[in-house]
Amino acid sequence: MTFDQLLNYFDGQSYREIEKQTGISLAQLTYYKQHGIPEGRQAILELQTGGKLKADVPPLIKLEDLEHG
């Protein structure tokens, strides 16, 4: 997920409101805006939003590896 997707989910709420609802500090939100949201945090946000936001994480196992393994 992108930072813009996170903001859109919270419908223009302030960073402080997002902080209250997610537990992500204002400093971290600012960092994520500049550098992107780490995969681990994206996974947490996916859980917190009941799947409405989707984490951009690579699959742990490639299907081709299973076919040749």
C-alpha atoms as a PDB file:
ATOM      1  CA  MET A   1       0.000   0.000   0.000  1.00  0.00           C
ATOM      2  CA  THR A   2       1.069   3.529  -0.586  1.00  0.00           C
ATOM      3  CA  PHE A   3       0.988   6.384   1.880  1.00  0.00           C
ATOM      4  CA  ASP A   4      -1.729   8.018  -0.231  1.00  0.00           C
ATOM      5  CA  GLN A   5      -3.863   4.879   0.104  1.00  0.00           C
ATOM      6  CA  LEU A   6      -3.433   5.095   3.880  1.00  0.00           C
ATOM      7  CA  LEU A   7      -4.534   8.739   3.863  1.00  0.00           C
ATOM      8  CA  ASN A   8      -7.487   7.983   1.605  1.00  0.00           C
ATOM      9  CA  TYR A   9      -8.617   5.197   3.928  1.00  0.00           C
ATOM     10  CA  PHE A  10      -8.702   7.688   6.800  1.00  0.00           C
ATOM     11  CA  ASP A  11     -10.586  10.151   4.576  1.00  0.00           C
ATOM     12  CA  GLY A  12      -8.413  13.199   5.108  1.00  0.00           C
ATOM     13  CA  GLN A  13      -8.163  12.912   8.885  1.00  0.00           C
ATOM     14  CA  SER A  14      -5.229  14.600  10.552  1.00  0.00           C
ATOM     15  CA  TYR A  15      -2.010  12.739  11.225  1.00  0.00           C
ATOM     16  CA  ARG A  16      -2.871  12.960  14.929  1.00  0.00           C
ATOM     17  CA  GLU A  17      -6.176  11.141  14.351  1.00  0.00           C
ATOM     18  CA  ILE A  18      -4.410   8.491  12.270  1.00  0.00           C
ATOM     19  CA  GLU A  19      -1.866   8.135  15.070  1.00  0.00           C
ATOM     20  CA  LYS A  20      -4.658   7.537  17.607  1.00  0.00           C
ATOM     21  CA  GLN A  21      -6.363   4.924  15.455  1.00  0.00           C
ATOM     22  CA  THR A  22      -3.269   3.020  14.304  1.00  0.00           C
ATOM     23  CA  GLY A  23      -0.660   3.553  17.007  1.00  0.00           C
ATOM     24  CA  ILE A  24       1.779   4.939  14.417  1.00  0.00           C
ATOM     25  CA  SER A  25       3.618   7.981  15.779  1.00  0.00           C
ATOM     26  CA  LEU A  26       3.565  11.332  13.989  1.00  0.00           C
ATOM     27  CA  ALA A  27       7.290  10.971  13.307  1.00  0.00           C
ATOM     28  CA  GLN A  28       6.758   7.546  11.741  1.00  0.00           C
ATOM     29  CA  LEU A  29       3.876   8.839   9.595  1.00  0.00           C
ATOM     30  CA  THR A  30       6.140  11.607   8.303  1.00  0.00           C
ATOM     31  CA  TYR A  31       8.873   9.056   7.598  1.00  0.00           C
ATOM     32  CA  TYR A  32       6.418   6.783   5.762  1.00  0.00           C
ATOM     33  CA  LYS A  33       5.254   9.713   3.650  1.00  0.00           C
ATOM     34  CA  GLN A  34       8.825  10.313   2.480  1.00  0.00           C
ATOM     35  CA  HIS A  35      10.119   6.719   2.267  1.00  0.00           C
ATOM     36  CA  GLY A  36       7.083   4.472   1.943  1.00  0.00           C
ATOM     37  CA  ILE A  37       5.433   2.147   4.425  1.00  0.00           C
ATOM     38  CA  PRO A  38       7.545  -0.903   5.352  1.00  0.00           C
ATOM     39  CA  GLU A  39       6.077  -4.310   4.497  1.00  0.00           C
ATOM     40  CA  GLY A  40       5.691  -5.332   8.132  1.00  0.00           C
ATOM     41  CA  ARG A  41       3.734  -2.198   8.975  1.00  0.00           C
ATOM     42  CA  GLN A  42       1.620  -2.672   5.859  1.00  0.00           C
ATOM     43  CA  ALA A  43       0.712  -6.162   7.073  1.00  0.00           C
ATOM     44  CA  ILE A  44      -0.318  -4.754  10.462  1.00  0.00           C
ATOM     45  CA  LEU A  45      -2.417  -2.056   8.783  1.00  0.00           C
ATOM     46  CA  GLU A  46      -4.092  -4.696   6.622  1.00  0.00           C
ATOM     47  CA  LEU A  47      -5.120  -6.527   9.791  1.00  0.00           C
ATOM     48  CA  GLN A  48      -6.173  -3.315  11.553  1.00  0.00           C
ATOM     49  CA  THR A  49      -8.392  -2.318   8.628  1.00  0.00           C
ATOM     50  CA  GLY A  50      -9.943  -5.745   8.213  1.00  0.00           C
ATOM     51  CA  GLY A  51      -8.330  -6.126   4.797  1.00  0.00           C
ATOM     52  CA  LYS A  52      -9.608  -2.844   3.377  1.00  0.00           C
ATOM     53  CA  LEU A  53      -5.984  -1.798   2.906  1.00  0.00           C
ATOM     54  CA  LYS A  54      -3.779  -4.449   1.302  1.00  0.00           C
ATOM     55  CA  ALA A  55      -0.115  -4.982   2.105  1.00  0.00           C
ATOM     56  CA  ASP A  56       2.287  -5.107  -0.834  1.00  0.00           C
ATOM     57  CA  VAL A  57       4.317  -8.079   0.334  1.00  0.00           C
ATOM     58  CA  PRO A  58       6.002 -10.650  -1.864  1.00  0.00           C
ATOM     59  CA  PRO A  59       4.860 -14.252  -1.518  1.00  0.00           C
ATOM     60  CA  LEU A  60       6.985 -16.300   0.835  1.00  0.00           C
ATOM     61  CA  ILE A  61       7.206 -19.216  -1.602  1.00  0.00           C
ATOM     62  CA  LYS A  62       7.086 -19.034  -5.362  1.00  0.00           C
ATOM     63  CA  LEU A  63       4.740 -21.483  -7.000  1.00  0.00           C
ATOM     64  CA  GLU A  64       7.537 -22.531  -9.395  1.00  0.00           C
ATOM     65  CA  ASP A  65       9.658 -23.601  -6.413  1.00  0.00           C
ATOM     66  CA  LEU A  66       6.928 -25.975  -5.274  1.00  0.00           C
ATOM     67  CA  GLU A  67       6.571 -27.486  -8.730  1.00  0.00           C
ATOM     68  CA  HIS A  68      10.312 -28.218  -9.029  1.00  0.00           C
ATOM     69  CA  GLY A  69      10.988 -29.085  -5.408  1.00  0.00           C
END
